[in-house]
């Protein structure tokens, strides 16, 4: 639960913004999440064959936390009893992806040369005629009486 609170802060954000949020977060879990995010960034840059990716185009595509193994310990309790202590761990997954860069049309083409695309007209949905509804109801009633 503690890690999920931190991971919810960075999901869907840009990589640079996510690193800033995690670096200045007062929660202890933010340090671990920051290390995992830096590792994910490094992995995607290493996989890129064309060279280093620009971090401004990267964003956190997925970030989730699953339960890991639980270590069970026993703590002494009054009257010879024992309380169970569960030391929980987690699996943190952060997926980083690159945003598609939108290419603007070149300024060399004149604005008047491009013909604006017409939007297709929608056909209005026609409501059924009230006469047909009344006929359908009477037929249903008649069929119910005969059976």
N, C-alpha and C. Protein backbone atom coordinates (compact mmCIF):
# COMPACT_ATOMS: atom_id res chain seq x y z
N UNK A 1 0.83 -1.19 0.00
CA UNK A 1 0.00 0.00 0.00
C UNK A 1 0.88 1.26 0.00
N UNK A 2 1.95 1.23 0.76
CA UNK A 2 2.83 2.40 0.84
C UNK A 2 3.46 2.70 -0.53
N UNK A 3 3.88 1.65 -1.23
CA UNK A 3 4.49 1.84 -2.54
C UNK A 3 3.46 2.25 -3.57
N UNK A 4 2.24 1.74 -3.48
CA UNK A 4 1.19 2.09 -4.44
C UNK A 4 0.86 3.58 -4.39
N UNK A 5 0.92 4.18 -3.21
CA UNK A 5 0.67 5.62 -3.08
C UNK A 5 1.71 6.41 -3.87
N UNK A 6 2.94 5.96 -3.86
CA UNK A 6 4.02 6.66 -4.56
C UNK A 6 3.90 6.43 -6.07
N UNK A 7 3.61 5.21 -6.48
CA UNK A 7 3.54 4.87 -7.89
C UNK A 7 2.37 5.60 -8.57
N UNK A 8 1.29 5.82 -7.84
CA UNK A 8 0.15 6.55 -8.41
C UNK A 8 0.53 7.98 -8.78
N UNK A 9 1.54 8.53 -8.13
CA UNK A 9 1.96 9.90 -8.41
C UNK A 9 2.63 10.03 -9.79
N UNK A 10 3.27 8.99 -10.27
CA UNK A 10 4.07 9.11 -11.50
C UNK A 10 3.43 8.48 -12.72
N UNK A 11 2.38 7.71 -12.56
CA UNK A 11 1.78 7.00 -13.68
C UNK A 11 1.28 7.98 -14.75
N UNK A 12 1.74 7.79 -15.99
CA UNK A 12 1.30 8.62 -17.10
C UNK A 12 2.07 9.92 -17.28
N UNK A 13 2.97 10.25 -16.40
CA UNK A 13 3.73 11.51 -16.49
C UNK A 13 4.96 11.33 -17.36
N UNK A 14 5.54 12.46 -17.75
CA UNK A 14 6.81 12.44 -18.46
C UNK A 14 7.90 11.97 -17.53
N UNK A 15 8.97 11.43 -18.09
CA UNK A 15 10.04 10.85 -17.28
C UNK A 15 10.72 11.91 -16.41
N UNK A 16 11.01 13.06 -16.99
CA UNK A 16 11.69 14.11 -16.23
C UNK A 16 10.83 14.60 -15.06
N UNK A 17 9.54 14.76 -15.33
CA UNK A 17 8.62 15.21 -14.27
C UNK A 17 8.48 14.13 -13.18
N UNK A 18 8.42 12.87 -13.60
CA UNK A 18 8.29 11.77 -12.65
C UNK A 18 9.52 11.68 -11.74
N UNK A 19 10.70 11.86 -12.33
CA UNK A 19 11.93 11.83 -11.52
C UNK A 19 11.94 12.97 -10.50
N UNK A 20 11.47 14.14 -10.90
CA UNK A 20 11.41 15.28 -9.98
C UNK A 20 10.44 15.00 -8.84
N UNK A 21 9.28 14.45 -9.17
CA UNK A 21 8.28 14.14 -8.14
C UNK A 21 8.83 13.13 -7.14
N UNK A 22 9.48 12.09 -7.65
CA UNK A 22 10.01 11.06 -6.76
C UNK A 22 11.19 11.57 -5.93
N UNK A 23 12.02 12.40 -6.53
CA UNK A 23 13.20 12.90 -5.81
C UNK A 23 12.80 13.77 -4.62
N UNK A 24 11.76 14.57 -4.77
CA UNK A 24 11.36 15.47 -3.70
C UNK A 24 10.20 14.96 -2.86
N UNK A 25 9.79 13.72 -3.06
CA UNK A 25 8.73 13.13 -2.25
C UNK A 25 9.29 12.73 -0.89
N UNK A 26 8.56 13.03 0.20
CA UNK A 26 9.07 12.69 1.54
C UNK A 26 8.93 11.21 1.90
N UNK A 27 8.22 10.44 1.10
CA UNK A 27 7.98 9.03 1.42
C UNK A 27 9.24 8.20 1.18
N UNK A 28 9.46 7.22 2.05
CA UNK A 28 10.63 6.35 1.96
C UNK A 28 10.59 5.50 0.70
N UNK A 29 9.38 5.10 0.28
CA UNK A 29 9.23 4.25 -0.90
C UNK A 29 9.61 4.98 -2.19
N UNK A 30 9.65 6.31 -2.16
CA UNK A 30 9.97 7.08 -3.37
C UNK A 30 11.41 6.84 -3.81
N UNK A 31 12.31 6.58 -2.86
CA UNK A 31 13.71 6.33 -3.21
C UNK A 31 13.84 5.07 -4.05
N UNK A 32 13.15 4.02 -3.65
CA UNK A 32 13.19 2.75 -4.40
C UNK A 32 12.54 2.92 -5.77
N UNK A 33 11.42 3.62 -5.81
CA UNK A 33 10.73 3.84 -7.09
C UNK A 33 11.59 4.67 -8.04
N UNK A 34 12.33 5.62 -7.50
CA UNK A 34 13.20 6.45 -8.34
C UNK A 34 14.32 5.59 -8.95
N UNK A 35 14.88 4.68 -8.16
CA UNK A 35 15.93 3.80 -8.68
C UNK A 35 15.40 2.90 -9.80
N UNK A 36 14.18 2.38 -9.60
CA UNK A 36 13.59 1.51 -10.62
C UNK A 36 13.29 2.30 -11.89
N UNK A 37 12.81 3.54 -11.74
CA UNK A 37 12.52 4.38 -12.90
C UNK A 37 13.81 4.72 -13.66
N UNK A 38 14.88 5.04 -12.93
CA UNK A 38 16.16 5.32 -13.59
C UNK A 38 16.68 4.09 -14.33
N UNK A 39 16.46 2.92 -13.76
CA UNK A 39 16.87 1.68 -14.40
C UNK A 39 16.07 1.44 -15.68
N UNK A 40 14.77 1.73 -15.64
CA UNK A 40 13.92 1.56 -16.83
C UNK A 40 14.34 2.51 -17.95
N UNK A 41 14.70 3.75 -17.57
CA UNK A 41 15.17 4.72 -18.56
C UNK A 41 16.48 4.24 -19.19
N UNK A 42 17.37 3.75 -18.36
CA UNK A 42 18.65 3.24 -18.85
C UNK A 42 18.45 2.05 -19.78
N UNK A 43 17.51 1.17 -19.44
CA UNK A 43 17.24 -0.01 -20.27
C UNK A 43 16.71 0.38 -21.64
N UNK A 44 15.80 1.34 -21.71
CA UNK A 44 15.24 1.73 -23.01
C UNK A 44 16.27 2.45 -23.85
N UNK A 45 17.17 3.20 -23.21
CA UNK A 45 18.23 3.87 -23.97
C UNK A 45 19.26 2.87 -24.48
N UNK A 46 19.51 1.81 -23.73
CA UNK A 46 20.45 0.78 -24.15
C UNK A 46 19.89 -0.03 -25.31
N UNK A 47 18.59 -0.29 -25.29
CA UNK A 47 17.97 -1.09 -26.35
C UNK A 47 17.91 -0.33 -27.67
N UNK A 48 17.85 1.00 -27.62
CA UNK A 48 17.76 1.80 -28.83
C UNK A 48 19.06 1.67 -29.62
N UNK A 49 18.98 1.17 -30.85
CA UNK A 49 20.17 0.93 -31.65
C UNK A 49 20.69 2.22 -32.30
N UNK A 50 19.81 3.19 -32.52
CA UNK A 50 20.21 4.40 -33.21
C UNK A 50 20.98 5.37 -32.35
N UNK A 51 21.08 5.13 -31.10
CA UNK A 51 21.78 6.04 -30.19
C UNK A 51 20.93 6.33 -28.97
N UNK A 52 21.30 7.37 -28.25
CA UNK A 52 20.59 7.70 -27.03
C UNK A 52 19.28 8.42 -27.35
N UNK A 53 18.24 8.04 -26.65
CA UNK A 53 16.94 8.68 -26.82
C UNK A 53 16.89 9.96 -26.01
N UNK A 54 16.09 10.89 -26.46
CA UNK A 54 15.88 12.12 -25.72
C UNK A 54 14.89 11.84 -24.60
N UNK A 55 15.25 12.16 -23.37
CA UNK A 55 14.38 11.84 -22.24
C UNK A 55 13.11 12.68 -22.24
N UNK A 56 13.08 13.78 -23.01
CA UNK A 56 11.87 14.60 -23.04
C UNK A 56 10.75 13.90 -23.80
N UNK A 57 11.07 12.90 -24.63
CA UNK A 57 10.04 12.18 -25.37
C UNK A 57 9.58 10.91 -24.64
N UNK A 58 10.20 10.59 -23.53
CA UNK A 58 9.84 9.38 -22.78
C UNK A 58 8.79 9.69 -21.74
N UNK A 59 7.92 8.71 -21.46
CA UNK A 59 6.92 8.86 -20.41
C UNK A 59 6.69 7.51 -19.74
N UNK A 60 6.08 7.56 -18.55
CA UNK A 60 5.81 6.34 -17.79
C UNK A 60 4.51 5.75 -18.33
N UNK A 61 4.63 4.69 -19.10
CA UNK A 61 3.46 4.08 -19.73
C UNK A 61 2.65 3.27 -18.72
N UNK A 62 3.33 2.43 -17.97
CA UNK A 62 2.67 1.61 -16.95
C UNK A 62 3.50 1.64 -15.69
N UNK A 63 2.82 1.60 -14.56
CA UNK A 63 3.50 1.49 -13.27
C UNK A 63 2.55 0.79 -12.32
N UNK A 64 2.95 -0.36 -11.82
CA UNK A 64 2.08 -1.07 -10.89
C UNK A 64 2.91 -1.83 -9.87
N UNK A 65 2.25 -2.19 -8.78
CA UNK A 65 2.90 -2.88 -7.67
C UNK A 65 2.10 -4.14 -7.36
N UNK A 66 2.78 -5.26 -7.32
CA UNK A 66 2.15 -6.53 -6.94
C UNK A 66 2.75 -7.03 -5.64
N UNK A 67 2.02 -7.89 -4.96
CA UNK A 67 2.50 -8.44 -3.71
C UNK A 67 3.65 -9.41 -3.97
N UNK A 68 4.65 -9.35 -3.13
CA UNK A 68 5.79 -10.25 -3.21
C UNK A 68 5.71 -11.27 -2.09
N UNK A 69 6.79 -11.98 -1.85
CA UNK A 69 6.77 -12.96 -0.76
C UNK A 69 6.67 -12.29 0.61
N UNK A 70 5.97 -12.95 1.51
CA UNK A 70 5.80 -12.45 2.87
C UNK A 70 6.62 -13.32 3.82
N UNK A 71 7.46 -12.68 4.63
CA UNK A 71 8.25 -13.39 5.62
C UNK A 71 7.48 -13.37 6.92
N UNK A 72 7.28 -14.55 7.52
CA UNK A 72 6.48 -14.63 8.74
C UNK A 72 7.39 -14.81 9.95
N UNK A 73 7.19 -13.98 10.94
CA UNK A 73 7.94 -14.02 12.18
C UNK A 73 6.97 -14.09 13.35
N UNK A 74 7.48 -14.46 14.52
CA UNK A 74 6.63 -14.56 15.71
C UNK A 74 7.15 -13.62 16.78
N UNK A 75 6.23 -12.90 17.38
CA UNK A 75 6.56 -11.98 18.46
C UNK A 75 5.93 -12.51 19.75
N UNK A 76 6.66 -12.48 20.88
CA UNK A 76 6.08 -12.97 22.13
C UNK A 76 4.92 -12.08 22.58
N UNK A 77 3.90 -12.73 23.16
CA UNK A 77 2.71 -12.02 23.64
C UNK A 77 2.46 -12.46 25.08
N UNK A 78 1.58 -11.77 25.78
CA UNK A 78 1.30 -12.13 27.18
C UNK A 78 0.72 -13.53 27.34
N UNK A 79 0.92 -14.09 28.49
CA UNK A 79 0.37 -15.39 28.89
C UNK A 79 0.85 -16.53 27.99
N UNK A 80 2.10 -16.47 27.53
CA UNK A 80 2.68 -17.56 26.76
C UNK A 80 2.20 -17.64 25.33
N UNK A 81 1.48 -16.65 24.87
CA UNK A 81 0.99 -16.67 23.48
C UNK A 81 2.04 -16.06 22.56
N UNK A 82 1.74 -16.15 21.26
CA UNK A 82 2.64 -15.56 20.26
C UNK A 82 1.80 -14.83 19.21
N UNK A 83 2.25 -13.66 18.83
CA UNK A 83 1.60 -12.90 17.76
C UNK A 83 2.41 -13.10 16.49
N UNK A 84 1.71 -13.21 15.39
CA UNK A 84 2.39 -13.38 14.11
C UNK A 84 2.69 -12.01 13.51
N UNK A 85 3.92 -11.83 13.07
CA UNK A 85 4.32 -10.61 12.38
C UNK A 85 4.58 -10.98 10.93
N UNK A 86 3.94 -10.25 10.02
CA UNK A 86 4.14 -10.50 8.59
C UNK A 86 4.95 -9.35 8.00
N UNK A 87 6.14 -9.67 7.51
CA UNK A 87 6.98 -8.67 6.87
C UNK A 87 6.78 -8.81 5.37
N UNK A 88 6.02 -7.87 4.82
CA UNK A 88 5.61 -7.96 3.42
C UNK A 88 6.64 -7.33 2.49
N UNK A 89 6.69 -7.85 1.29
CA UNK A 89 7.54 -7.26 0.25
C UNK A 89 6.67 -7.08 -1.00
N UNK A 90 7.25 -6.52 -2.05
CA UNK A 90 6.47 -6.23 -3.24
C UNK A 90 7.32 -6.38 -4.49
N UNK A 91 6.64 -6.45 -5.62
CA UNK A 91 7.27 -6.43 -6.93
C UNK A 91 6.84 -5.14 -7.61
N UNK A 92 7.79 -4.29 -7.95
CA UNK A 92 7.51 -3.00 -8.58
C UNK A 92 7.84 -3.10 -10.06
N UNK A 93 6.87 -2.73 -10.92
CA UNK A 93 7.06 -2.76 -12.36
C UNK A 93 6.78 -1.38 -12.93
N UNK A 94 7.76 -0.83 -13.64
CA UNK A 94 7.58 0.46 -14.30
C UNK A 94 7.97 0.28 -15.77
N UNK A 95 7.05 0.62 -16.67
CA UNK A 95 7.27 0.50 -18.11
C UNK A 95 7.39 1.91 -18.67
N UNK A 96 8.49 2.16 -19.37
CA UNK A 96 8.74 3.47 -19.98
C UNK A 96 8.62 3.32 -21.49
N UNK A 97 7.93 4.27 -22.13
CA UNK A 97 7.77 4.24 -23.59
C UNK A 97 8.09 5.61 -24.16
N UNK A 98 8.23 5.65 -25.47
CA UNK A 98 8.55 6.90 -26.15
C UNK A 98 7.29 7.45 -26.80
N UNK A 99 7.05 8.73 -26.60
CA UNK A 99 5.90 9.38 -27.24
C UNK A 99 6.20 9.54 -28.72
N UNK A 100 5.15 9.42 -29.53
CA UNK A 100 5.31 9.64 -30.95
C UNK A 100 5.40 11.14 -31.20
N UNK A 101 6.39 11.54 -31.94
CA UNK A 101 6.57 12.96 -32.23
C UNK A 101 5.69 13.31 -33.42
N UNK A 102 4.83 14.29 -33.23
CA UNK A 102 3.93 14.71 -34.30
C UNK A 102 4.68 15.67 -35.22
N UNK A 103 4.60 15.40 -36.50
CA UNK A 103 5.30 16.22 -37.48
C UNK A 103 4.33 17.27 -38.00
N UNK A 104 4.74 18.54 -37.92
CA UNK A 104 3.91 19.62 -38.43
C UNK A 104 4.08 19.70 -39.95
N UNK A 105 3.03 20.12 -40.68
CA UNK A 105 3.18 20.24 -42.13
C UNK A 105 4.21 21.31 -42.47
N UNK A 106 4.92 21.09 -43.55
CA UNK A 106 5.98 22.02 -43.93
C UNK A 106 5.39 23.38 -44.31
N UNK A 107 6.08 24.47 -43.98
CA UNK A 107 5.54 25.80 -44.28
C UNK A 107 5.64 26.17 -45.76
N UNK A 108 6.28 25.35 -46.59
CA UNK A 108 6.45 25.67 -48.01
C UNK A 108 5.14 25.53 -48.79
N UNK A 109 4.21 24.71 -48.32
CA UNK A 109 2.94 24.56 -49.03
C UNK A 109 2.02 25.70 -48.66
N UNK A 110 1.40 26.37 -49.64
CA UNK A 110 0.49 27.47 -49.32
C UNK A 110 -0.79 26.95 -48.68
N UNK A 111 -1.36 27.78 -47.84
CA UNK A 111 -2.57 27.36 -47.12
C UNK A 111 -3.75 27.17 -48.05
N UNK A 112 -3.85 27.98 -49.10
CA UNK A 112 -4.98 27.88 -50.01
C UNK A 112 -4.92 26.65 -50.90
N UNK A 113 -3.75 26.05 -51.06
CA UNK A 113 -3.59 24.91 -51.95
C UNK A 113 -4.24 23.65 -51.39
N UNK A 114 -4.29 23.56 -50.08
CA UNK A 114 -4.88 22.37 -49.47
C UNK A 114 -6.39 22.52 -49.41
N UNK A 115 -7.09 21.55 -49.90
CA UNK A 115 -8.55 21.57 -49.83
C UNK A 115 -8.96 20.98 -48.49
N UNK A 116 -9.80 21.68 -47.73
CA UNK A 116 -10.22 21.13 -46.45
C UNK A 116 -11.09 19.90 -46.66
N UNK A 117 -10.82 18.89 -45.88
CA UNK A 117 -11.59 17.66 -45.97
C UNK A 117 -12.97 17.87 -45.37
N UNK A 118 -13.98 17.41 -46.11
CA UNK A 118 -15.34 17.57 -45.61
C UNK A 118 -15.65 16.46 -44.62
N UNK A 119 -16.38 16.84 -43.61
CA UNK A 119 -16.77 15.85 -42.62
C UNK A 119 -17.97 15.07 -43.15
N UNK A 120 -17.99 13.76 -42.96
CA UNK A 120 -19.16 13.00 -43.41
C UNK A 120 -20.37 13.37 -42.56
N UNK A 121 -21.49 13.50 -43.24
CA UNK A 121 -22.71 13.88 -42.54
C UNK A 121 -23.27 12.65 -41.84
N UNK A 122 -23.74 12.87 -40.64
CA UNK A 122 -24.35 11.77 -39.89
C UNK A 122 -25.83 11.71 -40.22
N UNK A 123 -26.31 10.52 -40.31
CA UNK A 123 -27.74 10.36 -40.52
C UNK A 123 -28.42 10.34 -39.17
N UNK A 124 -29.46 11.12 -39.07
CA UNK A 124 -30.19 11.19 -37.80
C UNK A 124 -30.96 9.89 -37.60
N UNK A 125 -30.90 9.37 -36.39
CA UNK A 125 -31.63 8.15 -36.08
C UNK A 125 -33.11 8.47 -36.00
N UNK A 126 -33.89 7.72 -36.77
CA UNK A 126 -35.34 7.98 -36.78
C UNK A 126 -35.98 7.15 -35.69
N UNK A 127 -36.89 7.78 -35.00
CA UNK A 127 -37.61 7.06 -33.95
C UNK A 127 -38.73 6.25 -34.61
N UNK A 128 -39.03 5.07 -34.08
CA UNK A 128 -40.09 4.25 -34.67
C UNK A 128 -41.44 4.98 -34.55
N UNK A 129 -42.27 4.72 -35.56
CA UNK A 129 -43.57 5.39 -35.58
C UNK A 129 -44.43 4.84 -34.45
N UNK A 130 -45.22 5.70 -33.80
CA UNK A 130 -46.04 5.23 -32.69
C UNK A 130 -47.10 4.22 -33.10
N UNK A 131 -47.52 4.26 -34.36
CA UNK A 131 -48.55 3.31 -34.81
C UNK A 131 -48.01 1.88 -34.77
N UNK A 132 -46.76 1.71 -35.19
CA UNK A 132 -46.16 0.38 -35.21
C UNK A 132 -45.97 -0.16 -33.81
N UNK A 133 -45.66 0.72 -32.86
CA UNK A 133 -45.52 0.27 -31.48
C UNK A 133 -46.84 -0.26 -30.95
N UNK A 134 -47.90 0.45 -31.24
CA UNK A 134 -49.23 0.03 -30.76
C UNK A 134 -49.61 -1.31 -31.39
N UNK A 135 -49.31 -1.50 -32.67
CA UNK A 135 -49.61 -2.76 -33.34
C UNK A 135 -48.82 -3.90 -32.71
N UNK A 136 -47.56 -3.67 -32.41
CA UNK A 136 -46.72 -4.71 -31.84
C UNK A 136 -47.23 -5.12 -30.46
N UNK A 137 -47.70 -4.15 -29.68
CA UNK A 137 -48.23 -4.47 -28.35
C UNK A 137 -49.50 -5.28 -28.45
N UNK A 138 -50.35 -4.94 -29.36
CA UNK A 138 -51.62 -5.68 -29.49
C UNK A 138 -51.37 -7.09 -29.98
N UNK A 139 -50.42 -7.27 -30.88
CA UNK A 139 -50.11 -8.61 -31.36
C UNK A 139 -49.53 -9.46 -30.23
N UNK A 140 -48.71 -8.86 -29.40
CA UNK A 140 -48.12 -9.61 -28.28
C UNK A 140 -49.20 -10.02 -27.29
N UNK A 141 -50.13 -9.14 -27.03
CA UNK A 141 -51.22 -9.46 -26.11
C UNK A 141 -52.09 -10.56 -26.68
N UNK A 142 -52.37 -10.46 -27.95
CA UNK A 142 -53.22 -11.48 -28.59
C UNK A 142 -52.54 -12.82 -28.56
N UNK A 143 -51.24 -12.85 -28.79
CA UNK A 143 -50.51 -14.11 -28.78
C UNK A 143 -50.50 -14.71 -27.37
N UNK A 144 -50.47 -13.88 -26.35
CA UNK A 144 -50.44 -14.37 -24.98
C UNK A 144 -51.78 -14.97 -24.60
N UNK A 145 -52.87 -14.41 -25.10
CA UNK A 145 -54.20 -14.91 -24.75
C UNK A 145 -54.49 -16.25 -25.42
N UNK A 146 -53.98 -16.44 -26.62
CA UNK A 146 -54.29 -17.67 -27.34
C UNK A 146 -53.48 -18.85 -26.84
N UNK A 147 -52.37 -18.64 -26.24
CA UNK A 147 -51.53 -19.77 -25.84
C UNK A 147 -51.87 -20.31 -24.52
